[in-house]
Each structure stands twice: as C-alpha cells, then as structure tokens.
Full PDB file with SEQRES, HELIX, SHEET, SSBOND, CRYST1, ORIGX, SCALE, CONECT and MASTER records, all heavy atoms in Angstrom:
SEQRES   1 A   35  VAL SER PRO ALA CYS ALA ASN THR GLY LEU LEU SER ASN          
SEQRES   2 A   35  SER ILE THR PRO TYR LEU SER SER GLY ASP GLU VAL VAL          
SEQRES   3 A   35  PRO ASN VAL THR PRO GLY ASP GLN ILE                          
HELIX    1 AA1 PRO A    3  CYS A    5  5                                   3    
CRYST1    1.000    1.000    1.000  90.00  90.00  90.00 P 1           1          
ORIGX1      1.000000  0.000000  0.000000        0.00000                         
ORIGX2      0.000000  1.000000  0.000000        0.00000                         
ORIGX3      0.000000  0.000000  1.000000        0.00000                         
SCALE1      1.000000  0.000000  0.000000        0.00000                         
SCALE2      0.000000  1.000000  0.000000        0.00000                         
SCALE3      0.000000  0.000000  1.000000        0.00000                         
ATOM      1  N   VAL A   1      27.036 -88.768 -40.922  1.00  0.00           N  
ATOM      2  CA  VAL A   1      26.112 -87.853 -41.594  1.00  0.00           C  
ATOM      3  C   VAL A   1      26.813 -86.550 -41.934  1.00  0.00           C  
ATOM      4  O   VAL A   1      26.755 -86.091 -43.047  1.00  0.00           O  
ATOM      5  CB  VAL A   1      24.867 -87.570 -40.718  1.00  0.00           C  
ATOM      6  CG1 VAL A   1      24.025 -86.477 -41.311  1.00  0.00           C  
ATOM      7  CG2 VAL A   1      24.048 -88.821 -40.576  1.00  0.00           C  
ATOM      8  N   SER A   2      27.438 -85.941 -40.949  1.00  0.00           N  
ATOM      9  CA  SER A   2      28.085 -84.665 -41.179  1.00  0.00           C  
ATOM     10  C   SER A   2      29.132 -84.418 -40.111  1.00  0.00           C  
ATOM     11  O   SER A   2      28.860 -84.547 -38.928  1.00  0.00           O  
ATOM     12  CB  SER A   2      27.044 -83.547 -41.143  1.00  0.00           C  
ATOM     13  OG  SER A   2      27.673 -82.297 -41.055  1.00  0.00           O  
ATOM     14  N   PRO A   3      30.361 -84.012 -40.523  1.00  0.00           N  
ATOM     15  CA  PRO A   3      31.362 -83.715 -39.516  1.00  0.00           C  
ATOM     16  C   PRO A   3      30.959 -82.546 -38.631  1.00  0.00           C  
ATOM     17  O   PRO A   3      31.421 -82.416 -37.514  1.00  0.00           O  
ATOM     18  CB  PRO A   3      32.610 -83.372 -40.330  1.00  0.00           C  
ATOM     19  CG  PRO A   3      32.297 -83.633 -41.747  1.00  0.00           C  
ATOM     20  CD  PRO A   3      30.838 -83.922 -41.864  1.00  0.00           C  
ATOM     21  N   ALA A   4      30.063 -81.695 -39.098  1.00  0.00           N  
ATOM     22  CA  ALA A   4      29.626 -80.534 -38.317  1.00  0.00           C  
ATOM     23  C   ALA A   4      28.821 -80.954 -37.096  1.00  0.00           C  
ATOM     24  O   ALA A   4      28.678 -80.197 -36.158  1.00  0.00           O  
ATOM     25  CB  ALA A   4      28.796 -79.602 -39.190  1.00  0.00           C  
ATOM     26  N   CYS A   5      28.284 -82.169 -37.112  1.00  0.00           N  
ATOM     27  CA  CYS A   5      27.478 -82.666 -35.998  1.00  0.00           C  
ATOM     28  C   CYS A   5      28.272 -83.631 -35.134  1.00  0.00           C  
ATOM     29  O   CYS A   5      27.693 -84.451 -34.450  1.00  0.00           O  
ATOM     30  CB  CYS A   5      26.240 -83.389 -36.541  1.00  0.00           C  
ATOM     31  SG  CYS A   5      25.136 -82.347 -37.458  1.00  0.00           S  
ATOM     32  N   ALA A   6      29.577 -83.562 -35.179  1.00  0.00           N  
ATOM     33  CA  ALA A   6      30.438 -84.559 -34.530  1.00  0.00           C  
ATOM     34  C   ALA A   6      30.183 -84.680 -33.045  1.00  0.00           C  
ATOM     35  O   ALA A   6      29.672 -83.784 -32.399  1.00  0.00           O  
ATOM     36  CB  ALA A   6      31.892 -84.224 -34.788  1.00  0.00           C  
ATOM     37  N   ASN A   7      30.623 -85.775 -32.510  1.00  0.00           N  
ATOM     38  CA  ASN A   7      30.522 -86.253 -31.134  1.00  0.00           C  
ATOM     39  C   ASN A   7      29.947 -85.268 -30.126  1.00  0.00           C  
ATOM     40  O   ASN A   7      30.571 -84.315 -29.722  1.00  0.00           O  
ATOM     41  CB  ASN A   7      31.910 -86.701 -30.684  1.00  0.00           C  
ATOM     42  CG  ASN A   7      31.848 -87.454 -29.381  1.00  0.00           C  
ATOM     43  OD1 ASN A   7      30.783 -87.805 -28.898  1.00  0.00           O  
ATOM     44  ND2 ASN A   7      32.999 -87.708 -28.833  1.00  0.00           N  
ATOM     45  N   THR A   8      28.730 -85.553 -29.681  1.00  0.00           N  
ATOM     46  CA  THR A   8      28.096 -84.752 -28.639  1.00  0.00           C  
ATOM     47  C   THR A   8      28.185 -85.449 -27.298  1.00  0.00           C  
ATOM     48  O   THR A   8      27.663 -84.957 -26.313  1.00  0.00           O  
ATOM     49  CB  THR A   8      26.602 -84.506 -28.958  1.00  0.00           C  
ATOM     50  OG1 THR A   8      25.949 -85.758 -28.940  1.00  0.00           O  
ATOM     51  CG2 THR A   8      26.414 -83.804 -30.259  1.00  0.00           C  
ATOM     52  N   GLY A   9      28.808 -86.617 -27.276  1.00  0.00           N  
ATOM     53  CA  GLY A   9      28.923 -87.354 -26.037  1.00  0.00           C  
ATOM     54  C   GLY A   9      27.747 -88.285 -25.777  1.00  0.00           C  
ATOM     55  O   GLY A   9      27.762 -89.036 -24.826  1.00  0.00           O  
ATOM     56  N   LEU A  10      26.709 -88.244 -26.618  1.00  0.00           N  
ATOM     57  CA  LEU A  10      25.561 -89.124 -26.421  1.00  0.00           C  
ATOM     58  C   LEU A  10      25.866 -90.555 -26.819  1.00  0.00           C  
ATOM     59  O   LEU A  10      25.360 -91.492 -26.227  1.00  0.00           O  
ATOM     60  CB  LEU A  10      24.361 -88.631 -27.237  1.00  0.00           C  
ATOM     61  CG  LEU A  10      23.761 -87.309 -26.813  1.00  0.00           C  
ATOM     62  CD1 LEU A  10      22.657 -86.906 -27.779  1.00  0.00           C  
ATOM     63  CD2 LEU A  10      23.211 -87.409 -25.407  1.00  0.00           C  
ATOM     64  N   LEU A  11      26.689 -90.714 -27.855  1.00  0.00           N  
ATOM     65  CA  LEU A  11      26.961 -92.032 -28.398  1.00  0.00           C  
ATOM     66  C   LEU A  11      28.454 -92.187 -28.634  1.00  0.00           C  
ATOM     67  O   LEU A  11      29.207 -91.232 -28.535  1.00  0.00           O  
ATOM     68  CB  LEU A  11      26.215 -92.210 -29.726  1.00  0.00           C  
ATOM     69  CG  LEU A  11      24.706 -92.063 -29.623  1.00  0.00           C  
ATOM     70  CD1 LEU A  11      24.091 -91.954 -30.993  1.00  0.00           C  
ATOM     71  CD2 LEU A  11      24.116 -93.239 -28.888  1.00  0.00           C  
ATOM     72  N   SER A  12      28.867 -93.387 -28.987  1.00  0.00           N  
ATOM     73  CA  SER A  12      30.276 -93.621 -29.261  1.00  0.00           C  
ATOM     74  C   SER A  12      30.724 -92.804 -30.462  1.00  0.00           C  
ATOM     75  O   SER A  12      29.918 -92.329 -31.250  1.00  0.00           O  
ATOM     76  CB  SER A  12      30.509 -95.106 -29.521  1.00  0.00           C  
ATOM     77  OG  SER A  12      29.934 -95.473 -30.758  1.00  0.00           O  
ATOM     78  N   ASN A  13      32.030 -92.652 -30.632  1.00  0.00           N  
ATOM     79  CA  ASN A  13      32.577 -91.842 -31.722  1.00  0.00           C  
ATOM     80  C   ASN A  13      32.235 -92.380 -33.101  1.00  0.00           C  
ATOM     81  O   ASN A  13      32.348 -91.667 -34.080  1.00  0.00           O  
ATOM     82  CB  ASN A  13      34.095 -91.727 -31.570  1.00  0.00           C  
ATOM     83  CG  ASN A  13      34.475 -90.881 -30.375  1.00  0.00           C  
ATOM     84  OD1 ASN A  13      33.706 -90.026 -29.952  1.00  0.00           O  
ATOM     85  ND2 ASN A  13      35.644 -91.125 -29.829  1.00  0.00           N  
ATOM     86  N   SER A  14      31.826 -93.651 -33.212  1.00  0.00           N  
ATOM     87  CA  SER A  14      31.502 -94.215 -34.516  1.00  0.00           C  
ATOM     88  C   SER A  14      30.114 -93.814 -34.995  1.00  0.00           C  
ATOM     89  O   SER A  14      29.749 -94.079 -36.116  1.00  0.00           O  
ATOM     90  CB  SER A  14      31.601 -95.737 -34.473  1.00  0.00           C  
ATOM     91  OG  SER A  14      30.603 -96.256 -33.614  1.00  0.00           O  
ATOM     92  N   ILE A  15      29.342 -93.133 -34.161  1.00  0.00           N  
ATOM     93  CA  ILE A  15      27.997 -92.696 -34.532  1.00  0.00           C  
ATOM     94  C   ILE A  15      27.937 -91.188 -34.393  1.00  0.00           C  
ATOM     95  O   ILE A  15      28.353 -90.627 -33.396  1.00  0.00           O  
ATOM     96  CB  ILE A  15      26.946 -93.316 -33.618  1.00  0.00           C  
ATOM     97  CG1 ILE A  15      27.076 -94.823 -33.661  1.00  0.00           C  
ATOM     98  CG2 ILE A  15      25.563 -92.849 -33.969  1.00  0.00           C  
ATOM     99  CD1 ILE A  15      25.906 -95.580 -34.065  1.00  0.00           C  
ATOM    100  N   THR A  16      27.406 -90.536 -35.410  1.00  0.00           N  
ATOM    101  CA  THR A  16      27.310 -89.087 -35.397  1.00  0.00           C  
ATOM    102  C   THR A  16      25.857 -88.677 -35.293  1.00  0.00           C  
ATOM    103  O   THR A  16      25.050 -89.076 -36.123  1.00  0.00           O  
ATOM    104  CB  THR A  16      27.903 -88.506 -36.700  1.00  0.00           C  
ATOM    105  OG1 THR A  16      29.236 -88.976 -36.824  1.00  0.00           O  
ATOM    106  CG2 THR A  16      27.890 -86.994 -36.687  1.00  0.00           C  
ATOM    107  N   PRO A  17      25.466 -87.902 -34.274  1.00  0.00           N  
ATOM    108  CA  PRO A  17      24.073 -87.502 -34.122  1.00  0.00           C  
ATOM    109  C   PRO A  17      23.596 -86.583 -35.251  1.00  0.00           C  
ATOM    110  O   PRO A  17      24.344 -85.746 -35.732  1.00  0.00           O  
ATOM    111  CB  PRO A  17      24.049 -86.753 -32.793  1.00  0.00           C  
ATOM    112  CG  PRO A  17      25.245 -87.237 -32.078  1.00  0.00           C  
ATOM    113  CD  PRO A  17      26.265 -87.513 -33.145  1.00  0.00           C  
ATOM    114  N   TYR A  18      22.383 -86.783 -35.656  1.00  0.00           N  
ATOM    115  CA  TYR A  18      21.740 -85.920 -36.647  1.00  0.00           C  
ATOM    116  C   TYR A  18      20.420 -85.478 -36.064  1.00  0.00           C  
ATOM    117  O   TYR A  18      19.628 -86.296 -35.622  1.00  0.00           O  
ATOM    118  CB  TYR A  18      21.500 -86.689 -37.954  1.00  0.00           C  
ATOM    119  CG  TYR A  18      20.568 -85.943 -38.858  1.00  0.00           C  
ATOM    120  CD1 TYR A  18      21.019 -84.846 -39.571  1.00  0.00           C  
ATOM    121  CD2 TYR A  18      19.235 -86.272 -38.934  1.00  0.00           C  
ATOM    122  CE1 TYR A  18      20.149 -84.127 -40.351  1.00  0.00           C  
ATOM    123  CE2 TYR A  18      18.371 -85.552 -39.716  1.00  0.00           C  
ATOM    124  CZ  TYR A  18      18.836 -84.490 -40.420  1.00  0.00           C  
ATOM    125  OH  TYR A  18      17.979 -83.774 -41.188  1.00  0.00           O  
ATOM    126  N   LEU A  19      20.164 -84.179 -36.051  1.00  0.00           N  
ATOM    127  CA  LEU A  19      18.936 -83.660 -35.477  1.00  0.00           C  
ATOM    128  C   LEU A  19      18.115 -82.996 -36.570  1.00  0.00           C  
ATOM    129  O   LEU A  19      18.563 -82.042 -37.195  1.00  0.00           O  
ATOM    130  CB  LEU A  19      19.268 -82.648 -34.374  1.00  0.00           C  
ATOM    131  CG  LEU A  19      18.105 -82.154 -33.536  1.00  0.00           C  
ATOM    132  CD1 LEU A  19      17.411 -83.328 -32.846  1.00  0.00           C  
ATOM    133  CD2 LEU A  19      18.619 -81.197 -32.482  1.00  0.00           C  
ATOM    134  N   SER A  20      16.932 -83.506 -36.824  1.00  0.00           N  
ATOM    135  CA  SER A  20      16.051 -82.952 -37.837  1.00  0.00           C  
ATOM    136  C   SER A  20      15.538 -81.586 -37.410  1.00  0.00           C  
ATOM    137  O   SER A  20      15.300 -81.345 -36.246  1.00  0.00           O  
ATOM    138  CB  SER A  20      14.864 -83.899 -38.044  1.00  0.00           C  
ATOM    139  OG  SER A  20      13.941 -83.354 -38.941  1.00  0.00           O  
ATOM    140  N   SER A  21      15.361 -80.691 -38.369  1.00  0.00           N  
ATOM    141  CA  SER A  21      14.867 -79.355 -38.030  1.00  0.00           C  
ATOM    142  C   SER A  21      13.760 -78.943 -38.989  1.00  0.00           C  
ATOM    143  O   SER A  21      14.008 -78.383 -40.042  1.00  0.00           O  
ATOM    144  CB  SER A  21      16.014 -78.337 -38.088  1.00  0.00           C  
ATOM    145  OG  SER A  21      16.567 -78.307 -39.384  1.00  0.00           O  
ATOM    146  N   GLY A  22      12.536 -79.253 -38.634  1.00  0.00           N  
ATOM    147  CA  GLY A  22      11.385 -78.828 -39.427  1.00  0.00           C  
ATOM    148  C   GLY A  22      11.249 -79.601 -40.723  1.00  0.00           C  
ATOM    149  O   GLY A  22      10.544 -80.585 -40.779  1.00  0.00           O  
ATOM    150  N   ASP A  23      11.897 -79.122 -41.799  1.00  0.00           N  
ATOM    151  CA  ASP A  23      11.833 -79.811 -43.078  1.00  0.00           C  
ATOM    152  C   ASP A  23      12.557 -81.145 -42.958  1.00  0.00           C  
ATOM    153  O   ASP A  23      13.679 -81.215 -42.484  1.00  0.00           O  
ATOM    154  CB  ASP A  23      12.483 -78.974 -44.177  1.00  0.00           C  
ATOM    155  CG  ASP A  23      11.723 -77.689 -44.450  1.00  0.00           C  
ATOM    156  OD1 ASP A  23      10.491 -77.678 -44.242  1.00  0.00           O  
ATOM    157  OD2 ASP A  23      12.357 -76.706 -44.856  1.00  0.00           O  
ATOM    158  N   GLU A  24      11.889 -82.196 -43.403  1.00  0.00           N  
ATOM    159  CA  GLU A  24      12.498 -83.508 -43.270  1.00  0.00           C  
ATOM    160  C   GLU A  24      13.690 -83.650 -44.197  1.00  0.00           C  
ATOM    161  O   GLU A  24      13.622 -83.323 -45.373  1.00  0.00           O  
ATOM    162  CB  GLU A  24      11.487 -84.618 -43.568  1.00  0.00           C  
ATOM    163  CG  GLU A  24      12.088 -85.990 -43.384  1.00  0.00           C  
ATOM    164  CD  GLU A  24      11.105 -87.116 -43.633  1.00  0.00           C  
ATOM    165  OE1 GLU A  24      10.124 -86.907 -44.365  1.00  0.00           O  
ATOM    166  OE2 GLU A  24      11.330 -88.196 -43.095  1.00  0.00           O  
ATOM    167  N   VAL A  25      14.779 -84.123 -43.667  1.00  0.00           N  
ATOM    168  CA  VAL A  25      15.957 -84.467 -44.441  1.00  0.00           C  
ATOM    169  C   VAL A  25      15.959 -85.979 -44.520  1.00  0.00           C  
ATOM    170  O   VAL A  25      15.784 -86.653 -43.507  1.00  0.00           O  
ATOM    171  CB  VAL A  25      17.245 -83.957 -43.745  1.00  0.00           C  
ATOM    172  CG1 VAL A  25      18.473 -84.435 -44.471  1.00  0.00           C  
ATOM    173  CG2 VAL A  25      17.211 -82.453 -43.623  1.00  0.00           C  
ATOM    174  N   VAL A  26      16.142 -86.520 -45.722  1.00  0.00           N  
ATOM    175  CA  VAL A  26      16.146 -87.964 -45.890  1.00  0.00           C  
ATOM    176  C   VAL A  26      17.604 -88.386 -46.098  1.00  0.00           C  
ATOM    177  O   VAL A  26      18.126 -88.306 -47.200  1.00  0.00           O  
ATOM    178  CB  VAL A  26      15.267 -88.400 -47.081  1.00  0.00           C  
ATOM    179  CG1 VAL A  26      15.295 -89.913 -47.253  1.00  0.00           C  
ATOM    180  CG2 VAL A  26      13.831 -87.913 -46.881  1.00  0.00           C  
ATOM    181  N   PRO A  27      18.253 -88.832 -45.019  1.00  0.00           N  
ATOM    182  CA  PRO A  27      19.656 -89.214 -45.134  1.00  0.00           C  
ATOM    183  C   PRO A  27      19.829 -90.552 -45.830  1.00  0.00           C  
ATOM    184  O   PRO A  27      18.922 -91.388 -45.825  1.00  0.00           O  
ATOM    185  CB  PRO A  27      20.115 -89.297 -43.682  1.00  0.00           C  
ATOM    186  CG  PRO A  27      18.876 -89.591 -42.925  1.00  0.00           C  
ATOM    187  CD  PRO A  27      17.753 -88.940 -43.659  1.00  0.00           C  
ATOM    188  N   ASN A  28      20.987 -90.749 -46.437  1.00  0.00           N  
ATOM    189  CA  ASN A  28      21.344 -92.034 -47.024  1.00  0.00           C  
ATOM    190  C   ASN A  28      22.082 -92.861 -45.992  1.00  0.00           C  
ATOM    191  O   ASN A  28      22.945 -92.344 -45.281  1.00  0.00           O  
ATOM    192  CB  ASN A  28      22.249 -91.851 -48.244  1.00  0.00           C  
ATOM    193  CG  ASN A  28      21.498 -91.407 -49.458  1.00  0.00           C  
ATOM    194  OD1 ASN A  28      20.304 -91.626 -49.569  1.00  0.00           O  
ATOM    195  ND2 ASN A  28      22.188 -90.778 -50.379  1.00  0.00           N  
ATOM    196  N   VAL A  29      21.747 -94.126 -45.906  1.00  0.00           N  
ATOM    197  CA  VAL A  29      22.456 -95.072 -45.052  1.00  0.00           C  
ATOM    198  C   VAL A  29      22.745 -96.321 -45.879  1.00  0.00           C  
ATOM    199  O   VAL A  29      22.106 -96.550 -46.905  1.00  0.00           O  
ATOM    200  CB  VAL A  29      21.649 -95.449 -43.796  1.00  0.00           C  
ATOM    201  CG1 VAL A  29      21.446 -94.253 -42.890  1.00  0.00           C  
ATOM    202  CG2 VAL A  29      20.329 -96.074 -44.150  1.00  0.00           C  
ATOM    203  N   THR A  30      23.706 -97.094 -45.424  1.00  0.00           N  
ATOM    204  CA  THR A  30      24.028 -98.344 -46.096  1.00  0.00           C  
ATOM    205  C   THR A  30      23.760 -99.500 -45.143  1.00  0.00           C  
ATOM    206  O   THR A  30      23.796 -99.326 -43.923  1.00  0.00           O  
ATOM    207  CB  THR A  30      25.504 -98.382 -46.547  1.00  0.00           C  
ATOM    208  OG1 THR A  30      26.327 -98.232 -45.406  1.00  0.00           O  
ATOM    209  CG2 THR A  30      25.803 -97.284 -47.547  1.00  0.00           C  
ATOM    210  N   PRO A  31      23.481-100.684 -45.682  1.00  0.00           N  
ATOM    211  CA  PRO A  31      23.325-101.837 -44.801  1.00  0.00           C  
ATOM    212  C   PRO A  31      24.569-101.986 -43.924  1.00  0.00           C  
ATOM    213  O   PRO A  31      25.692-101.834 -44.391  1.00  0.00           O  
ATOM    214  CB  PRO A  31      23.180-103.007 -45.778  1.00  0.00           C  
ATOM    215  CG  PRO A  31      22.590-102.368 -47.012  1.00  0.00           C  
ATOM    216  CD  PRO A  31      23.252-101.015 -47.093  1.00  0.00           C  
ATOM    217  N   GLY A  32      24.341-102.240 -42.653  1.00  0.00           N  
ATOM    218  CA  GLY A  32      25.435-102.357 -41.696  1.00  0.00           C  
ATOM    219  C   GLY A  32      25.657-101.098 -40.879  1.00  0.00           C  
ATOM    220  O   GLY A  32      26.276-101.155 -39.815  1.00  0.00           O  
ATOM    221  N   ASP A  33      25.165 -99.932 -41.353  1.00  0.00           N  
ATOM    222  CA  ASP A  33      25.286 -98.695 -40.573  1.00  0.00           C  
ATOM    223  C   ASP A  33      24.505 -98.851 -39.277  1.00  0.00           C  
ATOM    224  O   ASP A  33      23.475 -99.515 -39.229  1.00  0.00           O  
ATOM    225  CB  ASP A  33      24.700 -97.491 -41.333  1.00  0.00           C  
ATOM    226  CG  ASP A  33      25.622 -96.938 -42.398  1.00  0.00           C  
ATOM    227  OD1 ASP A  33      26.803 -97.353 -42.455  1.00  0.00           O  
ATOM    228  OD2 ASP A  33      25.159 -96.081 -43.165  1.00  0.00           O  
ATOM    229  N   GLN A  34      24.986 -98.212 -38.227  1.00  0.00           N  
ATOM    230  CA  GLN A  34      24.265 -98.189 -36.970  1.00  0.00           C  
ATOM    231  C   GLN A  34      23.524 -96.871 -36.854  1.00  0.00           C  
ATOM    232  O   GLN A  34      24.053 -95.832 -37.230  1.00  0.00           O  
ATOM    233  CB  GLN A  34      25.221 -98.325 -35.792  1.00  0.00           C  
ATOM    234  CG  GLN A  34      25.845 -99.685 -35.685  1.00  0.00           C  
ATOM    235  CD  GLN A  34      26.658 -99.813 -34.420  1.00  0.00           C  
ATOM    236  OE1 GLN A  34      26.435 -99.106 -33.453  1.00  0.00           O  
ATOM    237  NE2 GLN A  34      27.596-100.729 -34.424  1.00  0.00           N  
ATOM    238  N   ILE A  35      22.299 -96.934 -36.356  1.00  0.00           N  
ATOM    239  CA  ILE A  35      21.532 -95.729 -36.076  1.00  0.00           C  
ATOM    240  C   ILE A  35      21.054 -95.806 -34.631  1.00  0.00           C  
ATOM    241  O   ILE A  35      20.919 -96.891 -34.073  1.00  0.00           O  
ATOM    242  CB  ILE A  35      20.325 -95.541 -37.030  1.00  0.00           C  
ATOM    243  CG1 ILE A  35      19.307 -96.667 -36.862  1.00  0.00           C  
ATOM    244  CG2 ILE A  35      20.783 -95.423 -38.477  1.00  0.00           C  
ATOM    245  CD1 ILE A  35      18.000 -96.427 -37.585  1.00  0.00           C  
TER     246      ILE A  35                                                      
MASTER        0    0    0    1    0    0    0    6  245    1    0    3          
END                                                                             
C-alpha cells in the first residue's frame, strides 16, 4: 500500500499494514494479494 507504513511487526514483510483514518480510502488490490 505505502512504503511509509512499512513493517510494524504485526505481519510478515510481504504484507504492509494500512490503517484507515476517518475518511475512507479505497485501496486497489489485485487477485492474489494477501490482506
């Protein structure tokens, strides 16, 4: 999603956490992506 949100230790390095803040952000994903 964004390098600015890189590895917080919650998940493996192949998954980047995204935290919504009030206004909904509709991210793009592709088939096969892990969430």
